[in-house]
Amino acid sequence: MGEFGGIALIFIAVILFFFLISAIKIIPEYEKGVIFRLGRLVGVRGPGLFFVIPMLERMFRIDTRVITMDVPAQEVITRDNVTIRVNAVLYFLVIDPGKAVVNVMDYIRATMQIAQTTLRSVVGQFELDEMLSQREQINHRLQQIIDEQTEPWGIKVNIVEIKDVELPQSMQRAMAKQAEAEREKRAKIIHADGEFQASKRLAEAADVISREPVTLQLRYLQTLTEIAVEKNSTLVFPLPIDLIRPFIDRAYSGVQNDHYSEGGKKPNEPRTAAEPRRGLFDPMTGLPLE
């Protein structure tokens, strides 16, 4: 009996050791332990060290960190009948581990399926231009719908972002042509606006010059100065008569005075039609004045 009793004690000790080891549970900070006793949910524990009753209680570990999920590309027909491929990324976490275990068999796979169907449904309600220009609005709407559908599972969807939109090759070429036409349109508008502003300034300048003729003469001299600075070769320009008219009049008056002082007739003395003006010449043509 003594030998049999010793073996029994050793066997009981080994069973108690493994029983104790299986009863001790350590849950890290980023996990929760969902405890079932005889198939009934009794609570959520963790993080830290605690005990469960072997064979009577069962524990499921649930990760409470944010999970990043890539939603596979989905073929979607937009409201204006354009077929595109859209993929997205989903950020969610478990806020109620009990619901995540009790209410759904595989909450990660279920969330993936909800995200795919919601992505196709929401994107199909927009036209292509809206899809490209209203990305933030679509992301917000996706987040709201998916979050509402996963709330009974204890899931909180924080962010949904559309990653990429793939267009057909024909649509890409059409959009490229449209963008080029739009750029040309803006360039023509800017050029026309510049021409309009320039014409207004020229009209104002013409008005000033018409009131002050000397302004045109000063501008002419300024232009000659600028050309002389920029060019090294000799340039010949016609000189306007208006610029040298005062000098011509003064020279003509001097010639007349010299002629009268030499015995010619004064301007107020009568002159016959056949009598020429001796010694007087036109300063511009060099011909004698009759």
C-alpha atoms as a PDB file:
ATOM      1  CA  MET A   1       0.000   0.000   0.000  1.00  0.00           C
ATOM      2  CA  GLY A   2       2.818   2.352   0.826  1.00  0.00           C
ATOM      3  CA  GLU A   3       4.375   2.082  -2.611  1.00  0.00           C
ATOM      4  CA  PHE A   4       1.010   2.427  -4.319  1.00  0.00           C
ATOM      5  CA  GLY A   5       0.178   5.435  -2.168  1.00  0.00           C
ATOM      6  CA  GLY A   6       3.436   7.142  -3.102  1.00  0.00           C
ATOM      7  CA  ILE A   7       2.775   6.709  -6.816  1.00  0.00           C
ATOM      8  CA  ALA A   8      -0.737   8.085  -6.365  1.00  0.00           C
ATOM      9  CA  LEU A   9       0.577  11.138  -4.564  1.00  0.00           C
ATOM     10  CA  ILE A  10       3.080  11.798  -7.322  1.00  0.00           C
ATOM     11  CA  PHE A  11       0.342  11.428  -9.950  1.00  0.00           C
ATOM     12  CA  ILE A  12      -1.942  13.807  -8.053  1.00  0.00           C
ATOM     13  CA  ALA A  13       0.889  16.309  -7.703  1.00  0.00           C
ATOM     14  CA  VAL A  14       1.565  16.235 -11.439  1.00  0.00           C
ATOM     15  CA  ILE A  15      -2.123  16.740 -12.195  1.00  0.00           C
ATOM     16  CA  LEU A  16      -2.313  19.630  -9.751  1.00  0.00           C
ATOM     17  CA  PHE A  17       0.782  21.180 -11.327  1.00  0.00           C
ATOM     18  CA  PHE A  18      -0.642  21.104 -14.850  1.00  0.00           C
ATOM     19  CA  PHE A  19      -4.004  22.202 -13.469  1.00  0.00           C
ATOM     20  CA  LEU A  20      -2.375  25.215 -11.874  1.00  0.00           C
ATOM     21  CA  ILE A  21      -0.378  26.016 -14.999  1.00  0.00           C
ATOM     22  CA  SER A  22      -3.505  25.900 -17.190  1.00  0.00           C
ATOM     23  CA  ALA A  23      -5.411  28.046 -14.707  1.00  0.00           C
ATOM     24  CA  ILE A  24      -2.910  30.910 -14.760  1.00  0.00           C
ATOM     25  CA  LYS A  25      -3.506  33.420 -17.564  1.00  0.00           C
ATOM     26  CA  ILE A  26      -1.410  36.459 -18.429  1.00  0.00           C
ATOM     27  CA  ILE A  27      -2.958  39.059 -20.723  1.00  0.00           C
ATOM     28  CA  PRO A  28      -0.764  41.856 -22.197  1.00  0.00           C
ATOM     29  CA  GLU A  29      -1.833  45.476 -22.277  1.00  0.00           C
ATOM     30  CA  TYR A  30      -3.064  45.366 -25.884  1.00  0.00           C
ATOM     31  CA  GLU A  31      -5.339  42.328 -25.404  1.00  0.00           C
ATOM     32  CA  LYS A  32      -8.505  41.380 -23.543  1.00  0.00           C
ATOM     33  CA  GLY A  33      -9.599  37.953 -22.336  1.00  0.00           C
ATOM     34  CA  VAL A  34     -13.232  36.975 -22.918  1.00  0.00           C
ATOM     35  CA  ILE A  35     -14.204  34.313 -20.343  1.00  0.00           C
ATOM     36  CA  PHE A  36     -16.902  31.676 -20.853  1.00  0.00           C
ATOM     37  CA  ARG A  37     -18.001  29.383 -18.026  1.00  0.00           C
ATOM     38  CA  LEU A  38     -19.856  26.289 -19.134  1.00  0.00           C
ATOM     39  CA  GLY A  39     -20.610  28.060 -22.421  1.00  0.00           C
ATOM     40  CA  ARG A  40     -21.935  31.233 -20.828  1.00  0.00           C
ATOM     41  CA  LEU A  41     -20.212  34.599 -21.119  1.00  0.00           C
ATOM     42  CA  VAL A  42     -19.137  35.647 -17.630  1.00  0.00           C
ATOM     43  CA  GLY A  43     -16.990  38.687 -18.419  1.00  0.00           C
ATOM     44  CA  VAL A  44     -13.942  40.286 -19.967  1.00  0.00           C
ATOM     45  CA  ARG A  45     -10.642  40.347 -18.097  1.00  0.00           C
ATOM     46  CA  GLY A  46      -7.216  41.821 -18.547  1.00  0.00           C
ATOM     47  CA  PRO A  47      -4.657  43.050 -18.847  1.00  0.00           C
ATOM     48  CA  GLY A  48      -2.570  41.335 -16.171  1.00  0.00           C
ATOM     49  CA  LEU A  49      -2.485  38.012 -14.302  1.00  0.00           C
ATOM     50  CA  PHE A  50      -5.644  36.095 -13.353  1.00  0.00           C
ATOM     51  CA  PHE A  51      -6.967  32.562 -13.005  1.00  0.00           C
ATOM     52  CA  VAL A  52      -9.561  30.519 -14.833  1.00  0.00           C
ATOM     53  CA  ILE A  53     -11.078  27.243 -13.792  1.00  0.00           C
ATOM     54  CA  PRO A  54      -9.773  24.495 -16.062  1.00  0.00           C
ATOM     55  CA  MET A  55     -12.387  22.446 -17.910  1.00  0.00           C
ATOM     56  CA  LEU A  56     -15.103  24.784 -16.622  1.00  0.00           C
ATOM     57  CA  GLU A  57     -13.967  28.101 -18.056  1.00  0.00           C
ATOM     58  CA  ARG A  58     -12.599  28.960 -21.469  1.00  0.00           C
ATOM     59  CA  MET A  59     -10.853  32.154 -22.540  1.00  0.00           C
ATOM     60  CA  PHE A  60     -10.654  33.869 -25.961  1.00  0.00           C
ATOM     61  CA  ARG A  61      -7.942  36.453 -26.584  1.00  0.00           C
ATOM     62  CA  ILE A  62      -9.003  39.581 -28.475  1.00  0.00           C
ATOM     63  CA  ASP A  63      -6.493  42.134 -29.805  1.00  0.00           C
ATOM     64  CA  THR A  64      -7.690  45.663 -29.047  1.00  0.00           C
ATOM     65  CA  ARG A  65      -5.090  47.502 -31.156  1.00  0.00           C
ATOM     66  CA  VAL A  66      -5.983  49.352 -34.350  1.00  0.00           C
ATOM     67  CA  ILE A  67      -6.136  46.940 -37.274  1.00  0.00           C
ATOM     68  CA  THR A  68      -5.156  48.054 -40.772  1.00  0.00           C
ATOM     69  CA  MET A  69      -7.055  46.290 -43.535  1.00  0.00           C
ATOM     70  CA  ASP A  70      -6.494  46.654 -47.272  1.00  0.00           C
ATOM     71  CA  VAL A  71      -9.768  46.394 -49.159  1.00  0.00           C
ATOM     72  CA  PRO A  72      -9.126  44.628 -52.506  1.00  0.00           C
ATOM     73  CA  ALA A  73      -9.800  46.540 -55.720  1.00  0.00           C
ATOM     74  CA  GLN A  74     -13.462  46.488 -56.692  1.00  0.00           C
ATOM     75  CA  GLU A  75     -14.904  47.038 -60.160  1.00  0.00           C
ATOM     76  CA  VAL A  76     -17.520  49.759 -59.910  1.00  0.00           C
ATOM     77  CA  ILE A  77     -19.828  51.347 -62.477  1.00  0.00           C
ATOM     78  CA  THR A  78     -20.254  55.017 -61.671  1.00  0.00           C
ATOM     79  CA  ARG A  79     -23.478  56.926 -62.061  1.00  0.00           C
ATOM     80  CA  ASP A  80     -22.376  58.167 -65.500  1.00  0.00           C
ATOM     81  CA  ASN A  81     -21.701  54.561 -66.646  1.00  0.00           C
ATOM     82  CA  VAL A  82     -17.901  54.556 -66.401  1.00  0.00           C
ATOM     83  CA  THR A  83     -16.277  51.318 -65.234  1.00  0.00           C
ATOM     84  CA  ILE A  84     -13.443  51.898 -62.762  1.00  0.00           C
ATOM     85  CA  ARG A  85     -11.449  49.879 -60.236  1.00  0.00           C
ATOM     86  CA  VAL A  86     -11.258  51.261 -56.708  1.00  0.00           C
ATOM     87  CA  ASN A  87      -9.368  50.002 -53.675  1.00  0.00           C
ATOM     88  CA  ALA A  88      -9.295  51.363 -50.147  1.00  0.00           C
ATOM     89  CA  VAL A  89      -7.716  50.990 -46.722  1.00  0.00           C
ATOM     90  CA  LEU A  90      -9.665  50.549 -43.476  1.00  0.00           C
ATOM     91  CA  TYR A  91      -8.593  51.353 -39.898  1.00  0.00           C
ATOM     92  CA  PHE A  92     -10.677  49.822 -37.110  1.00  0.00           C
ATOM     93  CA  LEU A  93     -10.396  48.347 -33.616  1.00  0.00           C
ATOM     94  CA  VAL A  94     -12.398  46.230 -31.176  1.00  0.00           C
ATOM     95  CA  ILE A  95     -14.025  48.322 -28.453  1.00  0.00           C
ATOM     96  CA  ASP A  96     -16.271  45.566 -27.039  1.00  0.00           C
ATOM     97  CA  PRO A  97     -14.465  42.195 -27.018  1.00  0.00           C
ATOM     98  CA  GLY A  98     -17.556  40.375 -25.730  1.00  0.00           C
ATOM     99  CA  LYS A  99     -19.649  41.391 -28.757  1.00  0.00           C
ATOM    100  CA  ALA A 100     -16.759  40.649 -31.127  1.00  0.00           C
ATOM    101  CA  VAL A 101     -16.748  37.037 -29.878  1.00  0.00           C
ATOM    102  CA  VAL A 102     -20.459  36.425 -29.282  1.00  0.00           C
ATOM    103  CA  ASN A 103     -22.168  38.312 -32.124  1.00  0.00           C
ATOM    104  CA  VAL A 104     -19.952  37.369 -35.078  1.00  0.00           C
ATOM    105  CA  MET A 105     -17.913  34.294 -35.892  1.00  0.00           C
ATOM    106  CA  ASP A 106     -14.917  36.062 -37.499  1.00  0.00           C
ATOM    107  CA  TYR A 107     -15.109  39.817 -36.998  1.00  0.00           C
ATOM    108  CA  ILE A 108     -12.091  40.566 -39.230  1.00  0.00           C
ATOM    109  CA  ARG A 109     -13.450  38.655 -42.212  1.00  0.00           C
ATOM    110  CA  ALA A 110     -16.943  40.055 -41.645  1.00  0.00           C
ATOM    111  CA  THR A 111     -15.599  43.611 -41.562  1.00  0.00           C
ATOM    112  CA  MET A 112     -13.723  42.958 -44.809  1.00  0.00           C
ATOM    113  CA  GLN A 113     -16.893  41.790 -46.566  1.00  0.00           C
ATOM    114  CA  ILE A 114     -18.883  44.780 -45.314  1.00  0.00           C
ATOM    115  CA  ALA A 115     -16.137  47.143 -46.520  1.00  0.00           C
ATOM    116  CA  GLN A 116     -16.115  45.637 -50.027  1.00  0.00           C
ATOM    117  CA  THR A 117     -19.874  45.781 -50.540  1.00  0.00           C
ATOM    118  CA  THR A 118     -20.135  49.281 -49.076  1.00  0.00           C
ATOM    119  CA  LEU A 119     -17.299  50.520 -51.300  1.00  0.00           C
ATOM    120  CA  ARG A 120     -19.070  49.322 -54.447  1.00  0.00           C
ATOM    121  CA  SER A 121     -22.417  50.707 -53.314  1.00  0.00           C
ATOM    122  CA  VAL A 122     -21.233  54.180 -52.301  1.00  0.00           C
ATOM    123  CA  VAL A 123     -18.859  54.800 -55.217  1.00  0.00           C
ATOM    124  CA  GLY A 124     -21.568  53.752 -57.685  1.00  0.00           C
ATOM    125  CA  GLN A 125     -23.731  56.650 -56.493  1.00  0.00           C
ATOM    126  CA  PHE A 126     -21.254  59.269 -57.760  1.00  0.00           C
ATOM    127  CA  GLU A 127     -20.191  60.389 -61.210  1.00  0.00           C
ATOM    128  CA  LEU A 128     -16.563  60.067 -62.237  1.00  0.00           C
ATOM    129  CA  ASP A 129     -15.797  63.777 -61.848  1.00  0.00           C
ATOM    130  CA  GLU A 130     -17.361  63.769 -58.385  1.00  0.00           C
ATOM    131  CA  MET A 131     -15.410  60.643 -57.526  1.00  0.00           C
ATOM    132  CA  LEU A 132     -12.138  62.382 -58.342  1.00  0.00           C
ATOM    133  CA  SER A 133     -12.945  65.779 -56.832  1.00  0.00           C
ATOM    134  CA  GLN A 134     -14.959  64.827 -53.734  1.00  0.00           C
ATOM    135  CA  ARG A 135     -12.660  62.165 -52.298  1.00  0.00           C
ATOM    136  CA  GLU A 136     -12.924  63.399 -48.705  1.00  0.00           C
ATOM    137  CA  GLN A 137     -16.707  63.407 -48.789  1.00  0.00           C
ATOM    138  CA  ILE A 138     -16.801  59.844 -50.123  1.00  0.00           C
ATOM    139  CA  ASN A 139     -14.309  58.675 -47.480  1.00  0.00           C
ATOM    140  CA  HIS A 140     -16.423  60.178 -44.717  1.00  0.00           C
ATOM    141  CA  ARG A 141     -19.564  58.559 -46.045  1.00  0.00           C
ATOM    142  CA  LEU A 142     -17.868  55.157 -46.280  1.00  0.00           C
ATOM    143  CA  GLN A 143     -16.642  55.471 -42.700  1.00  0.00           C
ATOM    144  CA  GLN A 144     -20.102  56.304 -41.394  1.00  0.00           C
ATOM    145  CA  ILE A 145     -21.859  53.421 -43.182  1.00  0.00           C
ATOM    146  CA  ILE A 146     -19.274  50.755 -42.297  1.00  0.00           C
ATOM    147  CA  ASP A 147     -19.113  51.940 -38.681  1.00  0.00           C
ATOM    148  CA  GLU A 148     -22.895  51.708 -38.316  1.00  0.00           C
ATOM    149  CA  GLN A 149     -22.949  48.174 -39.728  1.00  0.00           C
ATOM    150  CA  THR A 150     -20.100  46.886 -37.545  1.00  0.00           C
ATOM    151  CA  GLU A 151     -21.234  48.538 -34.303  1.00  0.00           C
ATOM    152  CA  PRO A 152     -23.272  45.451 -33.177  1.00  0.00           C
ATOM    153  CA  TRP A 153     -20.039  43.449 -33.407  1.00  0.00           C
ATOM    154  CA  GLY A 154     -18.193  45.748 -31.013  1.00  0.00           C
ATOM    155  CA  ILE A 155     -16.123  47.218 -33.867  1.00  0.00           C
ATOM    156  CA  LYS A 156     -15.235  50.896 -34.193  1.00  0.00           C
ATOM    157  CA  VAL A 157     -14.220  52.046 -37.699  1.00  0.00           C
ATOM    158  CA  ASN A 158     -12.034  55.127 -37.389  1.00  0.00           C
ATOM    159  CA  ILE A 159     -10.869  55.885 -40.935  1.00  0.00           C
ATOM    160  CA  VAL A 160     -11.685  54.742 -44.456  1.00  0.00           C
ATOM    161  CA  GLU A 161      -9.474  56.051 -47.262  1.00  0.00           C
ATOM    162  CA  ILE A 162      -9.779  55.401 -50.993  1.00  0.00           C
ATOM    163  CA  LYS A 163      -6.246  54.590 -52.115  1.00  0.00           C
ATOM    164  CA  ASP A 164      -6.382  54.377 -55.884  1.00  0.00           C
ATOM    165  CA  VAL A 165      -8.822  54.820 -58.752  1.00  0.00           C
ATOM    166  CA  GLU A 166      -7.944  52.989 -61.976  1.00  0.00           C
ATOM    167  CA  LEU A 167      -9.521  54.333 -65.152  1.00  0.00           C
ATOM    168  CA  PRO A 168      -9.827  52.608 -68.549  1.00  0.00           C
ATOM    169  CA  GLN A 169      -7.179  53.575 -71.104  1.00  0.00           C
ATOM    170  CA  SER A 170      -9.749  55.230 -73.355  1.00  0.00           C
ATOM    171  CA  MET A 171     -10.996  57.329 -70.454  1.00  0.00           C
ATOM    172  CA  GLN A 172      -7.449  58.332 -69.521  1.00  0.00           C
ATOM    173  CA  ARG A 173      -6.803  59.566 -73.070  1.00  0.00           C
ATOM    174  CA  ALA A 174     -10.092  61.466 -73.111  1.00  0.00           C
ATOM    175  CA  MET A 175      -9.307  63.117 -69.773  1.00  0.00           C
ATOM    176  CA  ALA A 176      -5.824  64.056 -70.992  1.00  0.00           C
ATOM    177  CA  LYS A 177      -7.309  65.742 -74.068  1.00  0.00           C
ATOM    178  CA  GLN A 178      -9.859  67.523 -71.910  1.00  0.00           C
ATOM    179  CA  ALA A 179      -7.159  68.777 -69.553  1.00  0.00           C
ATOM    180  CA  GLU A 180      -5.065  70.013 -72.495  1.00  0.00           C
ATOM    181  CA  ALA A 181      -8.064  71.823 -73.973  1.00  0.00           C
ATOM    182  CA  GLU A 182      -8.767  73.407 -70.605  1.00  0.00           C
ATOM    183  CA  ARG A 183      -5.172  74.632 -70.329  1.00  0.00           C
ATOM    184  CA  GLU A 184      -5.323  76.124 -73.833  1.00  0.00           C
ATOM    185  CA  LYS A 185      -8.602  77.802 -72.954  1.00  0.00           C
ATOM    186  CA  ARG A 186      -7.107  79.414 -69.845  1.00  0.00           C
ATOM    187  CA  ALA A 187      -4.038  80.516 -71.820  1.00  0.00           C
ATOM    188  CA  LYS A 188      -6.197  82.166 -74.484  1.00  0.00           C
ATOM    189  CA  ILE A 189      -8.299  83.904 -71.851  1.00  0.00           C
ATOM    190  CA  ILE A 190      -5.186  85.237 -70.124  1.00  0.00           C
ATOM    191  CA  HIS A 191      -3.723  86.367 -73.465  1.00  0.00           C
ATOM    192  CA  ALA A 192      -6.977  88.088 -74.463  1.00  0.00           C
ATOM    193  CA  ASP A 193      -7.170  89.802 -71.092  1.00  0.00           C
ATOM    194  CA  GLY A 194      -3.596  91.016 -71.532  1.00  0.00           C
ATOM    195  CA  GLU A 195      -4.397  92.362 -74.996  1.00  0.00           C
ATOM    196  CA  PHE A 196      -7.448  94.127 -73.611  1.00  0.00           C
ATOM    197  CA  GLN A 197      -5.452  95.765 -70.830  1.00  0.00           C
ATOM    198  CA  ALA A 198      -2.734  96.766 -73.304  1.00  0.00           C
ATOM    199  CA  SER A 199      -5.281  98.313 -75.670  1.00  0.00           C
ATOM    200  CA  LYS A 200      -6.726 100.329 -72.790  1.00  0.00           C
ATOM    201  CA  ARG A 201      -3.272 101.622 -71.895  1.00  0.00           C
ATOM    202  CA  LEU A 202      -2.541 102.458 -75.536  1.00  0.00           C
ATOM    203  CA  ALA A 203      -5.832 104.334 -75.806  1.00  0.00           C
ATOM    204  CA  GLU A 204      -4.956 106.330 -72.692  1.00  0.00           C
ATOM    205  CA  ALA A 205      -1.490 107.054 -74.090  1.00  0.00           C
ATOM    206  CA  ALA A 206      -2.958 108.174 -77.416  1.00  0.00           C
ATOM    207  CA  ASP A 207      -5.300 110.507 -75.580  1.00  0.00           C
ATOM    208  CA  VAL A 208      -2.386 112.056 -73.672  1.00  0.00           C
ATOM    209  CA  ILE A 209      -0.321 112.422 -76.845  1.00  0.00           C
ATOM    210  CA  SER A 210      -3.210 114.051 -78.692  1.00  0.00           C
ATOM    211  CA  ARG A 211      -3.429 116.694 -75.956  1.00  0.00           C
ATOM    212  CA  GLU A 212       0.348 117.170 -75.654  1.00  0.00           C
ATOM    213  CA  PRO A 213       2.141 116.683 -79.043  1.00  0.00           C
ATOM    214  CA  VAL A 214       5.522 117.228 -77.430  1.00  0.00           C
ATOM    215  CA  THR A 215       5.060 113.909 -75.599  1.00  0.00           C
ATOM    216  CA  LEU A 216       5.336 112.050 -78.892  1.00  0.00           C
ATOM    217  CA  GLN A 217       8.550 113.877 -79.732  1.00  0.00           C
ATOM    218  CA  LEU A 218      10.064 112.988 -76.350  1.00  0.00           C
ATOM    219  CA  ARG A 219       9.056 109.380 -76.791  1.00  0.00           C
ATOM    220  CA  TYR A 220      10.671 109.349 -80.224  1.00  0.00           C
ATOM    221  CA  LEU A 221      13.932 110.678 -78.810  1.00  0.00           C
ATOM    222  CA  GLN A 222      13.813 108.144 -75.982  1.00  0.00           C
ATOM    223  CA  THR A 223      13.359 105.312 -78.478  1.00  0.00           C
ATOM    224  CA  LEU A 224      16.337 106.497 -80.501  1.00  0.00           C
ATOM    225  CA  THR A 225      18.433 106.581 -77.322  1.00  0.00           C
ATOM    226  CA  GLU A 226      17.464 103.037 -76.371  1.00  0.00           C
ATOM    227  CA  ILE A 227      18.235 101.713 -79.845  1.00  0.00           C
ATOM    228  CA  ALA A 228      21.585 103.475 -79.864  1.00  0.00           C
ATOM    229  CA  VAL A 229      22.524 101.803 -76.567  1.00  0.00           C
ATOM    230  CA  GLU A 230      21.490  98.303 -77.658  1.00  0.00           C
ATOM    231  CA  LYS A 231      22.874  98.359 -81.223  1.00  0.00           C
ATOM    232  CA  ASN A 232      26.518  98.792 -82.217  1.00  0.00           C
ATOM    233  CA  SER A 233      25.917  99.320 -85.955  1.00  0.00           C
ATOM    234  CA  THR A 234      25.004 102.640 -87.520  1.00  0.00           C
ATOM    235  CA  LEU A 235      21.281 103.157 -88.012  1.00  0.00           C
ATOM    236  CA  VAL A 236      19.672 105.930 -90.075  1.00  0.00           C
ATOM    237  CA  PHE A 237      16.215 107.161 -89.079  1.00  0.00           C
ATOM    238  CA  PRO A 238      14.077 109.864 -90.678  1.00  0.00           C
ATOM    239  CA  LEU A 239      13.887 112.903 -88.475  1.00  0.00           C
ATOM    240  CA  PRO A 240      10.397 114.358 -88.071  1.00  0.00           C
ATOM    241  CA  ILE A 241       9.964 117.879 -89.449  1.00  0.00           C
ATOM    242  CA  ASP A 242       8.171 118.907 -86.267  1.00  0.00           C
ATOM    243  CA  LEU A 243      11.376 118.445 -84.285  1.00  0.00           C
ATOM    244  CA  ILE A 244      13.509 120.726 -86.479  1.00  0.00           C
ATOM    245  CA  ARG A 245      10.791 123.188 -87.594  1.00  0.00           C
ATOM    246  CA  PRO A 246      11.895 125.860 -85.061  1.00  0.00           C
ATOM    247  CA  PHE A 247      15.476 125.693 -86.351  1.00  0.00           C
ATOM    248  CA  ILE A 248      14.316 125.913 -89.989  1.00  0.00           C
ATOM    249  CA  ASP A 249      12.159 128.947 -89.249  1.00  0.00           C
ATOM    250  CA  ARG A 250      15.029 130.648 -87.442  1.00  0.00           C
ATOM    251  CA  ALA A 251      17.467 129.968 -90.300  1.00  0.00           C
ATOM    252  CA  TYR A 252      14.953 131.181 -92.858  1.00  0.00           C
ATOM    253  CA  SER A 253      14.437 134.437 -90.919  1.00  0.00           C
ATOM    254  CA  GLY A 254      18.212 134.970 -90.777  1.00  0.00           C
ATOM    255  CA  VAL A 255      18.576 134.531 -94.548  1.00  0.00           C
ATOM    256  CA  GLN A 256      15.775 137.013 -95.188  1.00  0.00           C
ATOM    257  CA  ASN A 257      17.373 139.610 -92.915  1.00  0.00           C
ATOM    258  CA  ASP A 258      20.739 139.205 -94.659  1.00  0.00           C
ATOM    259  CA  HIS A 259      19.087 139.639 -98.049  1.00  0.00           C
ATOM    260  CA  TYR A 260      17.289 142.798 -97.010  1.00  0.00           C
ATOM    261  CA  SER A 261      20.450 144.233 -95.552  1.00  0.00           C
ATOM    262  CA  GLU A 262      22.175 143.748 -98.942  1.00  0.00           C
ATOM    263  CA  GLY A 263      19.625 145.874-100.787  1.00  0.00           C
ATOM    264  CA  GLY A 264      16.766 143.569-101.331  1.00  0.00           C
ATOM    265  CA  LYS A 265      13.185 144.594-100.907  1.00  0.00           C
ATOM    266  CA  LYS A 266      11.519 144.385 -97.556  1.00  0.00           C
ATOM    267  CA  PRO A 267       8.684 141.969 -97.042  1.00  0.00           C
ATOM    268  CA  ASN A 268       6.043 144.719 -97.096  1.00  0.00           C
ATOM    269  CA  GLU A 269       7.289 146.280-100.325  1.00  0.00           C
ATOM    270  CA  PRO A 270       5.370 145.412-103.497  1.00  0.00           C
ATOM    271  CA  ARG A 271       6.985 142.919-105.825  1.00  0.00           C
ATOM    272  CA  THR A 272       6.073 142.127-109.381  1.00  0.00           C
ATOM    273  CA  ALA A 273       5.070 138.613-110.313  1.00  0.00           C
ATOM    274  CA  ALA A 274       7.965 138.238-112.763  1.00  0.00           C
ATOM    275  CA  GLU A 275      10.589 139.453-110.266  1.00  0.00           C
ATOM    276  CA  PRO A 276      12.247 136.500-108.555  1.00  0.00           C
ATOM    277  CA  ARG A 277      13.423 136.428-104.988  1.00  0.00           C
ATOM    278  CA  ARG A 278      17.135 136.638-105.671  1.00  0.00           C
ATOM    279  CA  GLY A 279      19.393 134.812-103.306  1.00  0.00           C
ATOM    280  CA  LEU A 280      16.605 132.972-101.421  1.00  0.00           C
ATOM    281  CA  PHE A 281      16.393 129.198-101.461  1.00  0.00           C
ATOM    282  CA  ASP A 282      14.051 126.661 -99.939  1.00  0.00           C
ATOM    283  CA  PRO A 283      16.022 125.149 -97.008  1.00  0.00           C
ATOM    284  CA  MET A 284      14.372 121.738 -97.519  1.00  0.00           C
ATOM    285  CA  THR A 285      14.660 121.310-101.323  1.00  0.00           C
ATOM    286  CA  GLY A 286      17.543 123.646-102.169  1.00  0.00           C
ATOM    287  CA  LEU A 287      15.566 125.221-105.036  1.00  0.00           C
ATOM    288  CA  PRO A 288      15.367 129.019-105.475  1.00  0.00           C
ATOM    289  CA  LEU A 289      12.259 130.671-104.167  1.00  0.00           C
ATOM    290  CA  GLU A 290      10.217 132.434-106.862  1.00  0.00           C
END
